[in-house]
């Protein structure tokens, strides 16, 4: 019975090990977005990013990112505030299907 309990240890849904030393993009609660090299993580999704860059938001529209960035360097991201993690390579923006099209 003890062996069965040990096998049921919580495993993360995300397999982040394949993204170590690769650039990822992370979205946080509150809307901040950061991109950087994944150097480490733990089961609680705390992340260590190197060469991190924050993408700044438009002061008039907090949901819209601008072209402005801010260099952060080495950062530790708290897992409880992480909303989304995606690889930077192979990612491309798509049109929002929920926005009313003008025309």
C-alpha atoms as a PDB file:
ATOM      1  CA  UNK A   1       0.000   0.000   0.000  1.00  0.00           C
ATOM      2  CA  UNK A   2       2.864   2.368   0.790  1.00  0.00           C
ATOM      3  CA  UNK A   3       4.380   1.864  -2.685  1.00  0.00           C
ATOM      4  CA  UNK A   4       1.060   2.771  -4.297  1.00  0.00           C
ATOM      5  CA  UNK A   5       0.926   6.058  -2.375  1.00  0.00           C
ATOM      6  CA  UNK A   6       4.499   6.894  -3.396  1.00  0.00           C
ATOM      7  CA  UNK A   7       3.636   6.397  -7.059  1.00  0.00           C
ATOM      8  CA  UNK A   8       0.765   8.891  -6.762  1.00  0.00           C
ATOM      9  CA  UNK A   9       3.023  11.830  -5.976  1.00  0.00           C
ATOM     10  CA  UNK A  10       1.863  14.997  -7.653  1.00  0.00           C
ATOM     11  CA  UNK A  11       3.452  15.484 -11.038  1.00  0.00           C
ATOM     12  CA  UNK A  12       3.349  18.726 -12.935  1.00  0.00           C
ATOM     13  CA  UNK A  13       1.154  18.792 -16.019  1.00  0.00           C
ATOM     14  CA  UNK A  14       3.834  20.812 -17.790  1.00  0.00           C
ATOM     15  CA  UNK A  15       7.017  19.090 -18.931  1.00  0.00           C
ATOM     16  CA  UNK A  16       9.284  22.113 -18.582  1.00  0.00           C
ATOM     17  CA  UNK A  17      12.549  20.139 -18.666  1.00  0.00           C
ATOM     18  CA  UNK A  18      12.561  20.256 -22.478  1.00  0.00           C
ATOM     19  CA  UNK A  19      12.557  24.075 -22.348  1.00  0.00           C
ATOM     20  CA  UNK A  20      15.628  24.428 -20.102  1.00  0.00           C
ATOM     21  CA  UNK A  21      18.099  26.878 -21.719  1.00  0.00           C
ATOM     22  CA  UNK A  22      15.471  27.826 -24.314  1.00  0.00           C
ATOM     23  CA  UNK A  23      13.568  31.099 -24.574  1.00  0.00           C
ATOM     24  CA  UNK A  24      10.042  31.039 -23.168  1.00  0.00           C
ATOM     25  CA  UNK A  25       7.366  33.686 -22.771  1.00  0.00           C
ATOM     26  CA  UNK A  26       5.475  33.929 -19.481  1.00  0.00           C
ATOM     27  CA  UNK A  27       2.211  35.768 -18.791  1.00  0.00           C
ATOM     28  CA  UNK A  28       1.373  36.727 -15.199  1.00  0.00           C
ATOM     29  CA  UNK A  29      -1.758  37.652 -13.293  1.00  0.00           C
ATOM     30  CA  UNK A  30      -2.255  41.369 -13.754  1.00  0.00           C
ATOM     31  CA  UNK A  31      -1.176  41.262 -17.403  1.00  0.00           C
ATOM     32  CA  UNK A  32       2.624  41.463 -17.266  1.00  0.00           C
ATOM     33  CA  UNK A  33       4.532  39.508 -19.917  1.00  0.00           C
ATOM     34  CA  UNK A  34       8.169  38.466 -19.723  1.00  0.00           C
ATOM     35  CA  UNK A  35      10.442  36.567 -22.092  1.00  0.00           C
ATOM     36  CA  UNK A  36      13.722  34.894 -21.108  1.00  0.00           C
ATOM     37  CA  UNK A  37      15.891  31.776 -20.999  1.00  0.00           C
ATOM     38  CA  UNK A  38      14.447  29.154 -18.653  1.00  0.00           C
ATOM     39  CA  UNK A  39      17.225  28.211 -16.213  1.00  0.00           C
ATOM     40  CA  UNK A  40      15.189  26.340 -13.624  1.00  0.00           C
ATOM     41  CA  UNK A  41      11.776  25.544 -12.143  1.00  0.00           C
ATOM     42  CA  UNK A  42      10.136  23.593  -9.344  1.00  0.00           C
ATOM     43  CA  UNK A  43       6.839  21.671  -8.929  1.00  0.00           C
ATOM     44  CA  UNK A  44       5.080  24.867  -7.779  1.00  0.00           C
ATOM     45  CA  UNK A  45       5.948  26.497 -11.133  1.00  0.00           C
ATOM     46  CA  UNK A  46       8.397  28.963  -9.635  1.00  0.00           C
ATOM     47  CA  UNK A  47      10.635  29.855 -12.576  1.00  0.00           C
ATOM     48  CA  UNK A  48      14.168  31.185 -12.940  1.00  0.00           C
ATOM     49  CA  UNK A  49      14.659  33.197 -16.150  1.00  0.00           C
ATOM     50  CA  UNK A  50      17.929  34.660 -17.401  1.00  0.00           C
ATOM     51  CA  UNK A  51      18.263  37.553 -19.861  1.00  0.00           C
ATOM     52  CA  UNK A  52      14.625  38.375 -19.096  1.00  0.00           C
ATOM     53  CA  UNK A  53      12.823  41.155 -20.940  1.00  0.00           C
ATOM     54  CA  UNK A  54       9.464  42.613 -19.897  1.00  0.00           C
ATOM     55  CA  UNK A  55       7.042  43.717 -22.583  1.00  0.00           C
ATOM     56  CA  UNK A  56       5.492  46.998 -21.451  1.00  0.00           C
ATOM     57  CA  UNK A  57       1.784  47.724 -21.761  1.00  0.00           C
ATOM     58  CA  UNK A  58       0.090  50.741 -23.295  1.00  0.00           C
ATOM     59  CA  UNK A  59      -0.717  53.256 -20.501  1.00  0.00           C
ATOM     60  CA  UNK A  60      -4.081  54.032 -22.151  1.00  0.00           C
ATOM     61  CA  UNK A  61      -5.065  50.376 -22.693  1.00  0.00           C
ATOM     62  CA  UNK A  62      -3.672  47.936 -20.087  1.00  0.00           C
ATOM     63  CA  UNK A  63      -4.589  44.931 -22.265  1.00  0.00           C
ATOM     64  CA  UNK A  64      -2.464  46.113 -25.209  1.00  0.00           C
ATOM     65  CA  UNK A  65       1.300  45.576 -25.381  1.00  0.00           C
ATOM     66  CA  UNK A  66       3.537  48.246 -26.898  1.00  0.00           C
ATOM     67  CA  UNK A  67       6.852  47.832 -28.712  1.00  0.00           C
ATOM     68  CA  UNK A  68       8.612  49.101 -25.569  1.00  0.00           C
ATOM     69  CA  UNK A  69      10.572  46.626 -23.471  1.00  0.00           C
ATOM     70  CA  UNK A  70      12.484  46.713 -20.209  1.00  0.00           C
ATOM     71  CA  UNK A  71      15.578  44.559 -19.593  1.00  0.00           C
ATOM     72  CA  UNK A  72      15.269  42.676 -16.280  1.00  0.00           C
ATOM     73  CA  UNK A  73      18.233  40.268 -16.412  1.00  0.00           C
ATOM     74  CA  UNK A  74      18.066  37.294 -14.016  1.00  0.00           C
ATOM     75  CA  UNK A  75      14.644  36.933 -12.365  1.00  0.00           C
ATOM     76  CA  UNK A  76      12.778  34.477 -10.155  1.00  0.00           C
ATOM     77  CA  UNK A  77       9.080  34.303 -11.045  1.00  0.00           C
ATOM     78  CA  UNK A  78       6.662  33.190  -8.362  1.00  0.00           C
ATOM     79  CA  UNK A  79       4.599  30.239  -9.559  1.00  0.00           C
ATOM     80  CA  UNK A  80       1.318  31.394  -8.012  1.00  0.00           C
ATOM     81  CA  UNK A  81       1.225  34.407 -10.346  1.00  0.00           C
ATOM     82  CA  UNK A  82       2.069  32.503 -13.556  1.00  0.00           C
ATOM     83  CA  UNK A  83      -0.921  32.273 -15.899  1.00  0.00           C
ATOM     84  CA  UNK A  84       0.632  31.070 -19.152  1.00  0.00           C
ATOM     85  CA  UNK A  85       3.965  29.663 -20.338  1.00  0.00           C
ATOM     86  CA  UNK A  86       4.773  29.186 -24.015  1.00  0.00           C
ATOM     87  CA  UNK A  87       7.912  28.651 -26.100  1.00  0.00           C
ATOM     88  CA  UNK A  88       9.129  31.750 -27.940  1.00  0.00           C
ATOM     89  CA  UNK A  89      10.102  29.684 -30.994  1.00  0.00           C
ATOM     90  CA  UNK A  90       7.234  28.551 -33.154  1.00  0.00           C
ATOM     91  CA  UNK A  91       4.817  31.082 -31.677  1.00  0.00           C
ATOM     92  CA  UNK A  92       2.924  33.499 -33.878  1.00  0.00           C
ATOM     93  CA  UNK A  93       0.058  35.857 -33.058  1.00  0.00           C
ATOM     94  CA  UNK A  94      -3.370  35.044 -34.463  1.00  0.00           C
ATOM     95  CA  UNK A  95      -6.389  37.287 -34.978  1.00  0.00           C
ATOM     96  CA  UNK A  96      -8.787  37.369 -32.034  1.00  0.00           C
ATOM     97  CA  UNK A  97     -11.918  35.498 -33.189  1.00  0.00           C
ATOM     98  CA  UNK A  98     -14.041  37.204 -30.514  1.00  0.00           C
ATOM     99  CA  UNK A  99     -13.423  40.785 -31.666  1.00  0.00           C
ATOM    100  CA  UNK A 100     -16.120  42.278 -33.906  1.00  0.00           C
ATOM    101  CA  UNK A 101     -14.703  42.705 -37.395  1.00  0.00           C
ATOM    102  CA  UNK A 102     -15.175  46.160 -38.887  1.00  0.00           C
ATOM    103  CA  UNK A 103     -16.528  46.326 -42.362  1.00  0.00           C
END
